[in-house]
Amino acid sequence: AFLGGVTENYNSNLIYKGSEIMVVEADEFDRSFLHLKPNIA
């Protein structure tokens, strides 16, 4: 999981437990999220 903040549980903005599933913040600023290919959103 790539996060836009630091989680209290992990003290990090990255949760890294494998790569089959990826959680991403789809940022609307400058239409950035249109670069993504989401399976679930």
PDB file of all heavy atoms in Angstrom:
ATOM      1  N   ALA A   1       0.841  -1.197   0.000  1.00  0.00           N
ATOM      2  CA  ALA A   1       0.000   0.000   0.000  1.00  0.00           C
ATOM      3  C   ALA A   1       0.875   1.246   0.000  1.00  0.00           C
ATOM      4  O   ALA A   1       1.721   1.414   0.881  1.00  0.00           O
ATOM      5  CB  ALA A   1      -0.933   0.002   1.213  1.00  0.00           C
ATOM      6  N   PHE A   2       0.661   2.105  -1.014  1.00  0.00           N
ATOM      7  CA  PHE A   2       1.344   3.395  -1.106  1.00  0.00           C
ATOM      8  C   PHE A   2       0.393   4.456  -0.543  1.00  0.00           C
ATOM      9  O   PHE A   2      -0.694   4.666  -1.087  1.00  0.00           O
ATOM     10  CB  PHE A   2       1.682   3.723  -2.557  1.00  0.00           C
ATOM     11  CG  PHE A   2       2.630   2.749  -3.199  1.00  0.00           C
ATOM     12  CD1 PHE A   2       2.154   1.688  -3.955  1.00  0.00           C
ATOM     13  CD2 PHE A   2       4.000   2.887  -3.051  1.00  0.00           C
ATOM     14  CE1 PHE A   2       3.025   0.782  -4.556  1.00  0.00           C
ATOM     15  CE2 PHE A   2       4.881   1.990  -3.644  1.00  0.00           C
ATOM     16  CZ  PHE A   2       4.391   0.941  -4.398  1.00  0.00           C
ATOM     17  N   LEU A   3       0.804   5.119   0.529  1.00  0.00           N
ATOM     18  CA  LEU A   3      -0.108   5.998   1.258  1.00  0.00           C
ATOM     19  C   LEU A   3       0.347   7.451   1.233  1.00  0.00           C
ATOM     20  O   LEU A   3       1.541   7.738   1.175  1.00  0.00           O
ATOM     21  CB  LEU A   3      -0.225   5.519   2.708  1.00  0.00           C
ATOM     22  CG  LEU A   3      -0.576   4.033   2.894  1.00  0.00           C
ATOM     23  CD1 LEU A   3      -0.513   3.653   4.368  1.00  0.00           C
ATOM     24  CD2 LEU A   3      -1.934   3.727   2.301  1.00  0.00           C
ATOM     25  N   GLY A   4      -0.617   8.347   1.331  1.00  0.00           N
ATOM     26  CA  GLY A   4      -0.332   9.780   1.364  1.00  0.00           C
ATOM     27  C   GLY A   4      -0.192  10.327   2.771  1.00  0.00           C
ATOM     28  O   GLY A   4      -0.318  11.533   2.999  1.00  0.00           O
ATOM     29  N   GLY A   5       0.052   9.446   3.718  1.00  0.00           N
ATOM     30  CA  GLY A   5       0.243   9.846   5.102  1.00  0.00           C
ATOM     31  C   GLY A   5       0.966   8.733   5.844  1.00  0.00           C
ATOM     32  O   GLY A   5       1.110   7.619   5.335  1.00  0.00           O
ATOM     33  N   VAL A   6       1.417   9.036   7.043  1.00  0.00           N
ATOM     34  CA  VAL A   6       2.146   8.064   7.854  1.00  0.00           C
ATOM     35  C   VAL A   6       1.167   7.394   8.815  1.00  0.00           C
ATOM     36  O   VAL A   6       0.540   8.055   9.643  1.00  0.00           O
ATOM     37  CB  VAL A   6       3.288   8.742   8.638  1.00  0.00           C
ATOM     38  CG1 VAL A   6       3.982   7.753   9.563  1.00  0.00           C
ATOM     39  CG2 VAL A   6       4.281   9.368   7.667  1.00  0.00           C
ATOM     40  N   THR A   7       1.025   6.071   8.693  1.00  0.00           N
ATOM     41  CA  THR A   7       0.103   5.347   9.564  1.00  0.00           C
ATOM     42  C   THR A   7       0.707   5.168  10.946  1.00  0.00           C
ATOM     43  O   THR A   7       1.901   4.944  11.087  1.00  0.00           O
ATOM     44  CB  THR A   7      -0.236   3.957   8.993  1.00  0.00           C
ATOM     45  OG1 THR A   7       0.956   3.174   8.936  1.00  0.00           O
ATOM     46  CG2 THR A   7      -0.851   4.061   7.614  1.00  0.00           C
ATOM     47  N   GLU A   8      -0.151   5.264  11.958  1.00  0.00           N
ATOM     48  CA  GLU A   8       0.310   5.060  13.329  1.00  0.00           C
ATOM     49  C   GLU A   8       0.703   3.603  13.558  1.00  0.00           C
ATOM     50  O   GLU A   8       1.627   3.318  14.314  1.00  0.00           O
ATOM     51  CB  GLU A   8      -0.803   5.457  14.315  1.00  0.00           C
ATOM     52  CG  GLU A   8      -1.239   6.921  14.234  1.00  0.00           C
ATOM     53  CD  GLU A   8      -0.245   7.875  14.865  1.00  0.00           C
ATOM     54  OE1 GLU A   8       0.821   7.424  15.332  1.00  0.00           O
ATOM     55  OE2 GLU A   8      -0.534   9.086  14.896  1.00  0.00           O
ATOM     56  N   ASN A   9       0.018   2.674  12.890  1.00  0.00           N
ATOM     57  CA  ASN A   9       0.315   1.254  13.093  1.00  0.00           C
ATOM     58  C   ASN A   9       1.700   0.867  12.599  1.00  0.00           C
ATOM     59  O   ASN A   9       2.390   0.048  13.210  1.00  0.00           O
ATOM     60  CB  ASN A   9      -0.719   0.373  12.376  1.00  0.00           C
ATOM     61  CG  ASN A   9      -2.087   0.446  13.014  1.00  0.00           C
ATOM     62  OD1 ASN A   9      -2.799   1.415  12.805  1.00  0.00           O
ATOM     63  ND2 ASN A   9      -2.458  -0.555  13.790  1.00  0.00           N
ATOM     64  N   TYR A  10       2.117   1.446  11.455  1.00  0.00           N
ATOM     65  CA  TYR A  10       3.359   1.019  10.806  1.00  0.00           C
ATOM     66  C   TYR A  10       4.448   2.088  10.858  1.00  0.00           C
ATOM     67  O   TYR A  10       5.577   1.835  10.440  1.00  0.00           O
ATOM     68  CB  TYR A  10       3.072   0.648   9.343  1.00  0.00           C
ATOM     69  CG  TYR A  10       1.996  -0.407   9.212  1.00  0.00           C
ATOM     70  CD1 TYR A  10       0.656  -0.034   9.126  1.00  0.00           C
ATOM     71  CD2 TYR A  10       2.306  -1.751   9.209  1.00  0.00           C
ATOM     72  CE1 TYR A  10      -0.354  -0.990   9.027  1.00  0.00           C
ATOM     73  CE2 TYR A  10       1.310  -2.720   9.111  1.00  0.00           C
ATOM     74  CZ  TYR A  10      -0.022  -2.331   9.022  1.00  0.00           C
ATOM     75  OH  TYR A  10      -1.004  -3.277   8.929  1.00  0.00           O
ATOM     76  N   ASN A  11       4.084   3.286  11.340  1.00  0.00           N
ATOM     77  CA  ASN A  11       5.003   4.427  11.361  1.00  0.00           C
ATOM     78  C   ASN A  11       5.662   4.618   9.999  1.00  0.00           C
ATOM     79  O   ASN A  11       6.862   4.876   9.884  1.00  0.00           O
ATOM     80  CB  ASN A  11       6.075   4.260  12.445  1.00  0.00           C
ATOM     81  CG  ASN A  11       6.808   5.565  12.732  1.00  0.00           C
ATOM     82  OD1 ASN A  11       6.234   6.646  12.577  1.00  0.00           O
ATOM     83  ND2 ASN A  11       8.065   5.483  13.106  1.00  0.00           N
ATOM     84  N   SER A  12       4.867   4.469   8.955  1.00  0.00           N
ATOM     85  CA  SER A  12       5.382   4.556   7.590  1.00  0.00           C
ATOM     86  C   SER A  12       4.236   4.908   6.643  1.00  0.00           C
ATOM     87  O   SER A  12       3.057   4.745   6.977  1.00  0.00           O
ATOM     88  CB  SER A  12       6.011   3.221   7.174  1.00  0.00           C
ATOM     89  OG  SER A  12       6.475   3.271   5.834  1.00  0.00           O
ATOM     90  N   ASN A  13       4.609   5.390   5.445  1.00  0.00           N
ATOM     91  CA  ASN A  13       3.623   5.620   4.397  1.00  0.00           C
ATOM     92  C   ASN A  13       3.634   4.490   3.367  1.00  0.00           C
ATOM     93  O   ASN A  13       3.084   4.616   2.286  1.00  0.00           O
ATOM     94  CB  ASN A  13       3.859   6.964   3.697  1.00  0.00           C
ATOM     95  CG  ASN A  13       5.284   7.113   3.188  1.00  0.00           C
ATOM     96  OD1 ASN A  13       6.150   6.271   3.422  1.00  0.00           O
ATOM     97  ND2 ASN A  13       5.546   8.199   2.491  1.00  0.00           N
ATOM     98  N   LEU A  14       4.275   3.386   3.744  1.00  0.00           N
ATOM     99  CA  LEU A  14       4.312   2.198   2.892  1.00  0.00           C
ATOM    100  C   LEU A  14       4.016   0.967   3.744  1.00  0.00           C
ATOM    101  O   LEU A  14       4.631   0.759   4.785  1.00  0.00           O
ATOM    102  CB  LEU A  14       5.695   2.042   2.242  1.00  0.00           C
ATOM    103  CG  LEU A  14       5.871   0.806   1.346  1.00  0.00           C
ATOM    104  CD1 LEU A  14       5.116   0.974   0.038  1.00  0.00           C
ATOM    105  CD2 LEU A  14       7.357   0.544   1.070  1.00  0.00           C
ATOM    106  N   ILE A  15       3.041   0.175   3.304  1.00  0.00           N
ATOM    107  CA  ILE A  15       2.779  -1.144   3.894  1.00  0.00           C
ATOM    108  C   ILE A  15       3.264  -2.157   2.870  1.00  0.00           C
ATOM    109  O   ILE A  15       2.840  -2.137   1.710  1.00  0.00           O
ATOM    110  CB  ILE A  15       1.284  -1.345   4.201  1.00  0.00           C
ATOM    111  CG1 ILE A  15       0.797  -0.284   5.208  1.00  0.00           C
ATOM    112  CG2 ILE A  15       1.028  -2.743   4.752  1.00  0.00           C
ATOM    113  CD1 ILE A  15      -0.706  -0.292   5.447  1.00  0.00           C
ATOM    114  N   TYR A  16       4.141  -3.055   3.279  1.00  0.00           N
ATOM    115  CA  TYR A  16       4.829  -3.939   2.320  1.00  0.00           C
ATOM    116  C   TYR A  16       4.720  -5.377   2.810  1.00  0.00           C
ATOM    117  O   TYR A  16       5.509  -5.846   3.602  1.00  0.00           O
ATOM    118  CB  TYR A  16       6.289  -3.499   2.214  1.00  0.00           C
ATOM    119  CG  TYR A  16       7.087  -4.161   1.117  1.00  0.00           C
ATOM    120  CD1 TYR A  16       6.861  -3.839  -0.222  1.00  0.00           C
ATOM    121  CD2 TYR A  16       8.083  -5.085   1.428  1.00  0.00           C
ATOM    122  CE1 TYR A  16       7.621  -4.433  -1.235  1.00  0.00           C
ATOM    123  CE2 TYR A  16       8.847  -5.687   0.422  1.00  0.00           C
ATOM    124  CZ  TYR A  16       8.610  -5.354  -0.907  1.00  0.00           C
ATOM    125  OH  TYR A  16       9.349  -5.945  -1.904  1.00  0.00           O
ATOM    126  N   LYS A  17       3.689  -6.077   2.331  1.00  0.00           N
ATOM    127  CA  LYS A  17       3.424  -7.457   2.760  1.00  0.00           C
ATOM    128  C   LYS A  17       3.285  -8.405   1.572  1.00  0.00           C
ATOM    129  O   LYS A  17       2.763  -9.506   1.711  1.00  0.00           O
ATOM    130  CB  LYS A  17       2.128  -7.505   3.586  1.00  0.00           C
ATOM    131  CG  LYS A  17       2.129  -6.661   4.844  1.00  0.00           C
ATOM    132  CD  LYS A  17       2.958  -7.287   5.936  1.00  0.00           C
ATOM    133  CE  LYS A  17       2.857  -6.482   7.228  1.00  0.00           C
ATOM    134  NZ  LYS A  17       3.662  -7.054   8.317  1.00  0.00           N
ATOM    135  N   GLY A  18       3.734  -7.998   0.401  1.00  0.00           N
ATOM    136  CA  GLY A  18       3.588  -8.800  -0.806  1.00  0.00           C
ATOM    137  C   GLY A  18       3.224  -7.899  -1.975  1.00  0.00           C
ATOM    138  O   GLY A  18       2.995  -6.703  -1.791  1.00  0.00           O
ATOM    139  N   SER A  19       3.162  -8.457  -3.172  1.00  0.00           N
ATOM    140  CA  SER A  19       2.950  -7.602  -4.344  1.00  0.00           C
ATOM    141  C   SER A  19       1.792  -8.031  -5.240  1.00  0.00           C
ATOM    142  O   SER A  19       1.581  -7.447  -6.292  1.00  0.00           O
ATOM    143  CB  SER A  19       4.237  -7.552  -5.179  1.00  0.00           C
ATOM    144  OG  SER A  19       4.631  -8.861  -5.558  1.00  0.00           O
ATOM    145  N   GLU A  20       1.023  -9.023  -4.805  1.00  0.00           N
ATOM    146  CA  GLU A  20      -0.097  -9.455  -5.644  1.00  0.00           C
ATOM    147  C   GLU A  20      -1.226  -8.422  -5.662  1.00  0.00           C
ATOM    148  O   GLU A  20      -1.964  -8.303  -6.645  1.00  0.00           O
ATOM    149  CB  GLU A  20      -0.629 -10.803  -5.150  1.00  0.00           C
ATOM    150  CG  GLU A  20       0.333 -11.958  -5.398  1.00  0.00           C
ATOM    151  CD  GLU A  20      -0.202 -13.265  -4.850  1.00  0.00           C
ATOM    152  OE1 GLU A  20      -1.441 -13.444  -4.871  1.00  0.00           O
ATOM    153  OE2 GLU A  20       0.602 -14.088  -4.393  1.00  0.00           O
ATOM    154  N   ILE A  21      -1.370  -7.700  -4.561  1.00  0.00           N
ATOM    155  CA  ILE A  21      -2.390  -6.655  -4.450  1.00  0.00           C
ATOM    156  C   ILE A  21      -1.684  -5.338  -4.169  1.00  0.00           C
ATOM    157  O   ILE A  21      -0.790  -5.277  -3.330  1.00  0.00           O
ATOM    158  CB  ILE A  21      -3.380  -6.959  -3.310  1.00  0.00           C
ATOM    159  CG1 ILE A  21      -4.079  -8.309  -3.541  1.00  0.00           C
ATOM    160  CG2 ILE A  21      -4.415  -5.845  -3.182  1.00  0.00           C
ATOM    161  CD1 ILE A  21      -4.885  -8.781  -2.356  1.00  0.00           C
ATOM    162  N   MET A  22      -2.085  -4.282  -4.866  1.00  0.00           N
ATOM    163  CA  MET A  22      -1.515  -2.957  -4.606  1.00  0.00           C
ATOM    164  C   MET A  22      -2.633  -1.955  -4.309  1.00  0.00           C
ATOM    165  O   MET A  22      -3.588  -1.837  -5.073  1.00  0.00           O
ATOM    166  CB  MET A  22      -0.699  -2.483  -5.800  1.00  0.00           C
ATOM    167  CG  MET A  22       0.523  -3.316  -6.046  1.00  0.00           C
ATOM    168  SD  MET A  22       1.994  -2.322  -6.317  1.00  0.00           S
ATOM    169  CE  MET A  22       3.252  -3.613  -6.332  1.00  0.00           C
ATOM    170  N   VAL A  23      -2.497  -1.276  -3.182  1.00  0.00           N
ATOM    171  CA  VAL A  23      -3.412  -0.201  -2.803  1.00  0.00           C
ATOM    172  C   VAL A  23      -2.738   1.121  -3.136  1.00  0.00           C
ATOM    173  O   VAL A  23      -1.609   1.374  -2.684  1.00  0.00           O
ATOM    174  CB  VAL A  23      -3.753  -0.261  -1.305  1.00  0.00           C
ATOM    175  CG1 VAL A  23      -4.595   0.955  -0.902  1.00  0.00           C
ATOM    176  CG2 VAL A  23      -4.486  -1.557  -0.973  1.00  0.00           C
ATOM    177  N   VAL A  24      -3.402   1.945  -3.938  1.00  0.00           N
ATOM    178  CA  VAL A  24      -2.821   3.237  -4.324  1.00  0.00           C
ATOM    179  C   VAL A  24      -3.852   4.337  -4.136  1.00  0.00           C
ATOM    180  O   VAL A  24      -5.054   4.116  -4.290  1.00  0.00           O
ATOM    181  CB  VAL A  24      -2.321   3.233  -5.792  1.00  0.00           C
ATOM    182  CG1 VAL A  24      -1.271   2.153  -6.005  1.00  0.00           C
ATOM    183  CG2 VAL A  24      -3.475   3.030  -6.768  1.00  0.00           C
ATOM    184  N   GLU A  25      -3.366   5.515  -3.788  1.00  0.00           N
ATOM    185  CA  GLU A  25      -4.225   6.700  -3.772  1.00  0.00           C
ATOM    186  C   GLU A  25      -4.320   7.232  -5.195  1.00  0.00           C
ATOM    187  O   GLU A  25      -3.296   7.511  -5.820  1.00  0.00           O
ATOM    188  CB  GLU A  25      -3.654   7.760  -2.830  1.00  0.00           C
ATOM    189  CG  GLU A  25      -3.764   7.366  -1.375  1.00  0.00           C
ATOM    190  CD  GLU A  25      -3.466   8.529  -0.444  1.00  0.00           C
ATOM    191  OE1 GLU A  25      -3.738   9.690  -0.841  1.00  0.00           O
ATOM    192  OE2 GLU A  25      -2.973   8.275   0.668  1.00  0.00           O
ATOM    193  N   ALA A  26      -5.526   7.349  -5.690  1.00  0.00           N
ATOM    194  CA  ALA A  26      -5.765   7.823  -7.054  1.00  0.00           C
ATOM    195  C   ALA A  26      -5.971   9.335  -6.992  1.00  0.00           C
ATOM    196  O   ALA A  26      -7.068   9.820  -6.723  1.00  0.00           O
ATOM    197  CB  ALA A  26      -6.985   7.119  -7.644  1.00  0.00           C
ATOM    198  N   ASP A  27      -4.892  10.072  -7.227  1.00  0.00           N
ATOM    199  CA  ASP A  27      -4.877  11.517  -7.026  1.00  0.00           C
ATOM    200  C   ASP A  27      -5.467  12.238  -8.229  1.00  0.00           C
ATOM    201  O   ASP A  27      -5.010  12.064  -9.364  1.00  0.00           O
ATOM    202  CB  ASP A  27      -3.430  11.971  -6.799  1.00  0.00           C
ATOM    203  CG  ASP A  27      -3.349  13.413  -6.332  1.00  0.00           C
ATOM    204  OD1 ASP A  27      -4.398  14.078  -6.214  1.00  0.00           O
ATOM    205  OD2 ASP A  27      -2.223  13.883  -6.087  1.00  0.00           O
ATOM    206  N   GLU A  28      -6.479  13.076  -7.963  1.00  0.00           N
ATOM    207  CA  GLU A  28      -7.119  13.815  -9.056  1.00  0.00           C
ATOM    208  C   GLU A  28      -6.324  15.044  -9.486  1.00  0.00           C
ATOM    209  O   GLU A  28      -6.577  15.603 -10.569  1.00  0.00           O
ATOM    210  CB  GLU A  28      -8.534  14.230  -8.649  1.00  0.00           C
ATOM    211  CG  GLU A  28      -8.640  15.375  -7.643  1.00  0.00           C
ATOM    212  CD  GLU A  28      -8.439  14.948  -6.194  1.00  0.00           C
ATOM    213  OE1 GLU A  28      -8.153  13.747  -5.950  1.00  0.00           O
ATOM    214  OE2 GLU A  28      -8.552  15.808  -5.302  1.00  0.00           O
ATOM    215  N   PHE A  29      -5.354  15.468  -8.673  1.00  0.00           N
ATOM    216  CA  PHE A  29      -4.559  16.643  -9.041  1.00  0.00           C
ATOM    217  C   PHE A  29      -3.885  16.402 -10.394  1.00  0.00           C
ATOM    218  O   PHE A  29      -3.298  15.375 -10.622  1.00  0.00           O
ATOM    219  CB  PHE A  29      -3.502  16.947  -7.976  1.00  0.00           C
ATOM    220  CG  PHE A  29      -2.573  18.067  -8.360  1.00  0.00           C
ATOM    221  CD1 PHE A  29      -3.033  19.368  -8.394  1.00  0.00           C
ATOM    222  CD2 PHE A  29      -1.268  17.822  -8.718  1.00  0.00           C
ATOM    223  CE1 PHE A  29      -2.192  20.404  -8.766  1.00  0.00           C
ATOM    224  CE2 PHE A  29      -0.412  18.847  -9.096  1.00  0.00           C
ATOM    225  CZ  PHE A  29      -0.887  20.150  -9.115  1.00  0.00           C
ATOM    226  N   ASP A  30      -3.970  17.318 -11.297  1.00  0.00           N
ATOM    227  CA  ASP A  30      -3.463  17.274 -12.680  1.00  0.00           C
ATOM    228  C   ASP A  30      -3.828  15.968 -13.410  1.00  0.00           C
ATOM    229  O   ASP A  30      -3.100  15.487 -14.272  1.00  0.00           O
ATOM    230  CB  ASP A  30      -1.960  17.588 -12.763  1.00  0.00           C
ATOM    231  CG  ASP A  30      -1.022  16.457 -12.317  1.00  0.00           C
ATOM    232  OD1 ASP A  30      -1.511  15.403 -11.874  1.00  0.00           O
ATOM    233  OD2 ASP A  30       0.195  16.638 -12.426  1.00  0.00           O
ATOM    234  N   ARG A  31      -5.006  15.404 -13.011  1.00  0.00           N
ATOM    235  CA  ARG A  31      -5.562  14.214 -13.679  1.00  0.00           C
ATOM    236  C   ARG A  31      -4.649  12.990 -13.553  1.00  0.00           C
ATOM    237  O   ARG A  31      -4.693  12.081 -14.387  1.00  0.00           O
ATOM    238  CB  ARG A  31      -5.868  14.512 -15.152  1.00  0.00           C
ATOM    239  CG  ARG A  31      -6.902  15.613 -15.338  1.00  0.00           C
ATOM    240  CD  ARG A  31      -7.108  15.970 -16.809  1.00  0.00           C
ATOM    241  NE  ARG A  31      -8.221  16.899 -16.986  1.00  0.00           N
ATOM    242  CZ  ARG A  31      -8.143  18.216 -16.845  1.00  0.00           C
ATOM    243  NH1 ARG A  31      -6.992  18.753 -16.495  1.00  0.00           N
ATOM    244  NH2 ARG A  31      -9.190  18.986 -17.018  1.00  0.00           N
ATOM    245  N   SER A  32      -3.849  12.957 -12.504  1.00  0.00           N
ATOM    246  CA  SER A  32      -2.871  11.883 -12.317  1.00  0.00           C
ATOM    247  C   SER A  32      -3.523  10.508 -12.327  1.00  0.00           C
ATOM    248  O   SER A  32      -2.951   9.537 -12.831  1.00  0.00           O
ATOM    249  CB  SER A  32      -2.122  12.069 -10.995  1.00  0.00           C
ATOM    250  OG  SER A  32      -1.293  13.207 -11.041  1.00  0.00           O
ATOM    251  N   PHE A  33      -4.725  10.400 -11.745  1.00  0.00           N
ATOM    252  CA  PHE A  33      -5.318   9.072 -11.577  1.00  0.00           C
ATOM    253  C   PHE A  33      -5.709   8.397 -12.891  1.00  0.00           C
ATOM    254  O   PHE A  33      -5.980   7.188 -12.922  1.00  0.00           O
ATOM    255  CB  PHE A  33      -6.497   9.090 -10.610  1.00  0.00           C
ATOM    256  CG  PHE A  33      -7.640  10.035 -10.928  1.00  0.00           C
ATOM    257  CD1 PHE A  33      -7.684  10.811 -12.065  1.00  0.00           C
ATOM    258  CD2 PHE A  33      -8.716  10.138 -10.032  1.00  0.00           C
ATOM    259  CE1 PHE A  33      -8.739  11.663 -12.327  1.00  0.00           C
ATOM    260  CE2 PHE A  33      -9.776  10.982 -10.280  1.00  0.00           C
ATOM    261  CZ  PHE A  33      -9.799  11.745 -11.436  1.00  0.00           C
ATOM    262  N   LEU A  34      -5.712   9.131 -13.974  1.00  0.00           N
ATOM    263  CA  LEU A  34      -6.038   8.527 -15.265  1.00  0.00           C
ATOM    264  C   LEU A  34      -4.904   7.638 -15.790  1.00  0.00           C
ATOM    265  O   LEU A  34      -5.077   6.926 -16.779  1.00  0.00           O
ATOM    266  CB  LEU A  34      -6.388   9.613 -16.287  1.00  0.00           C
ATOM    267  CG  LEU A  34      -7.614  10.484 -15.930  1.00  0.00           C
ATOM    268  CD1 LEU A  34      -7.890  11.484 -17.038  1.00  0.00           C
ATOM    269  CD2 LEU A  34      -8.846   9.620 -15.656  1.00  0.00           C
ATOM    270  N   HIS A  35      -3.747   7.679 -15.127  1.00  0.00           N
ATOM    271  CA  HIS A  35      -2.633   6.787 -15.499  1.00  0.00           C
ATOM    272  C   HIS A  35      -2.800   5.381 -14.919  1.00  0.00           C
ATOM    273  O   HIS A  35      -2.056   4.477 -15.281  1.00  0.00           O
ATOM    274  CB  HIS A  35      -1.295   7.359 -15.010  1.00  0.00           C
ATOM    275  CG  HIS A  35      -0.877   8.610 -15.706  1.00  0.00           C
ATOM    276  ND1 HIS A  35      -0.523   8.648 -17.037  1.00  0.00           N
ATOM    277  CD2 HIS A  35      -0.758   9.886 -15.256  1.00  0.00           C
ATOM    278  CE1 HIS A  35      -0.199   9.891 -17.375  1.00  0.00           C
ATOM    279  NE2 HIS A  35      -0.328  10.656 -16.312  1.00  0.00           N
ATOM    280  N   LEU A  36      -3.750   5.221 -14.002  1.00  0.00           N
ATOM    281  CA  LEU A  36      -3.909   3.939 -13.313  1.00  0.00           C
ATOM    282  C   LEU A  36      -4.777   2.965 -14.112  1.00  0.00           C
ATOM    283  O   LEU A  36      -5.544   3.371 -14.982  1.00  0.00           O
ATOM    284  CB  LEU A  36      -4.528   4.166 -11.928  1.00  0.00           C
ATOM    285  CG  LEU A  36      -3.712   5.025 -10.965  1.00  0.00           C
ATOM    286  CD1 LEU A  36      -4.527   5.335  -9.711  1.00  0.00           C
ATOM    287  CD2 LEU A  36      -2.407   4.325 -10.589  1.00  0.00           C
ATOM    288  N   LYS A  37      -4.656   1.686 -13.760  1.00  0.00           N
ATOM    289  CA  LYS A  37      -5.491   0.633 -14.349  1.00  0.00           C
ATOM    290  C   LYS A  37      -6.121  -0.148 -13.195  1.00  0.00           C
ATOM    291  O   LYS A  37      -5.720  -1.273 -12.892  1.00  0.00           O
ATOM    292  CB  LYS A  37      -4.658  -0.282 -15.254  1.00  0.00           C
ATOM    293  CG  LYS A  37      -4.104   0.423 -16.479  1.00  0.00           C
ATOM    294  CD  LYS A  37      -3.270  -0.507 -17.345  1.00  0.00           C
ATOM    295  CE  LYS A  37      -2.849   0.173 -18.643  1.00  0.00           C
ATOM    296  NZ  LYS A  37      -2.051   1.387 -18.428  1.00  0.00           N
ATOM    297  N   PRO A  38      -7.129   0.439 -12.550  1.00  0.00           N
ATOM    298  CA  PRO A  38      -7.673  -0.177 -11.337  1.00  0.00           C
ATOM    299  C   PRO A  38      -8.576  -1.379 -11.630  1.00  0.00           C
ATOM    300  O   PRO A  38      -9.396  -1.347 -12.543  1.00  0.00           O
ATOM    301  CB  PRO A  38      -8.476   0.958 -10.704  1.00  0.00           C
ATOM    302  CG  PRO A  38      -8.868   1.843 -11.852  1.00  0.00           C
ATOM    303  CD  PRO A  38      -7.748   1.740 -12.845  1.00  0.00           C
ATOM    304  N   ASN A  39      -8.413  -2.437 -10.841  1.00  0.00           N
ATOM    305  CA  ASN A  39      -9.338  -3.569 -10.883  1.00  0.00           C
ATOM    306  C   ASN A  39     -10.532  -3.335  -9.966  1.00  0.00           C
ATOM    307  O   ASN A  39     -11.655  -3.747 -10.265  1.00  0.00           O
ATOM    308  CB  ASN A  39      -8.619  -4.852 -10.446  1.00  0.00           C
ATOM    309  CG  ASN A  39      -7.404  -5.150 -11.312  1.00  0.00           C
ATOM    310  OD1 ASN A  39      -6.293  -4.796 -10.945  1.00  0.00           O
ATOM    311  ND2 ASN A  39      -7.603  -5.785 -12.451  1.00  0.00           N
ATOM    312  N   ILE A  40     -10.245  -2.675  -8.842  1.00  0.00           N
ATOM    313  CA  ILE A  40     -11.277  -2.301  -7.865  1.00  0.00           C
ATOM    314  C   ILE A  40     -10.989  -0.857  -7.480  1.00  0.00           C
ATOM    315  O   ILE A  40      -9.832  -0.473  -7.323  1.00  0.00           O
ATOM    316  CB  ILE A  40     -11.207  -3.205  -6.620  1.00  0.00           C
ATOM    317  CG1 ILE A  40     -11.442  -4.678  -7.003  1.00  0.00           C
ATOM    318  CG2 ILE A  40     -12.211  -2.766  -5.564  1.00  0.00           C
ATOM    319  CD1 ILE A  40     -11.106  -5.662  -5.885  1.00  0.00           C
ATOM    320  N   ALA A  41     -12.033  -0.046  -7.356  1.00  0.00           N
ATOM    321  CA  ALA A  41     -11.797   1.365  -7.023  1.00  0.00           C
ATOM    322  C   ALA A  41     -12.946   1.903  -6.193  1.00  0.00           C
ATOM    323  O   ALA A  41     -14.040   1.324  -6.141  1.00  0.00           O
ATOM    324  CB  ALA A  41     -11.620   2.197  -8.289  1.00  0.00           C
TER     325      ALA A  41
END
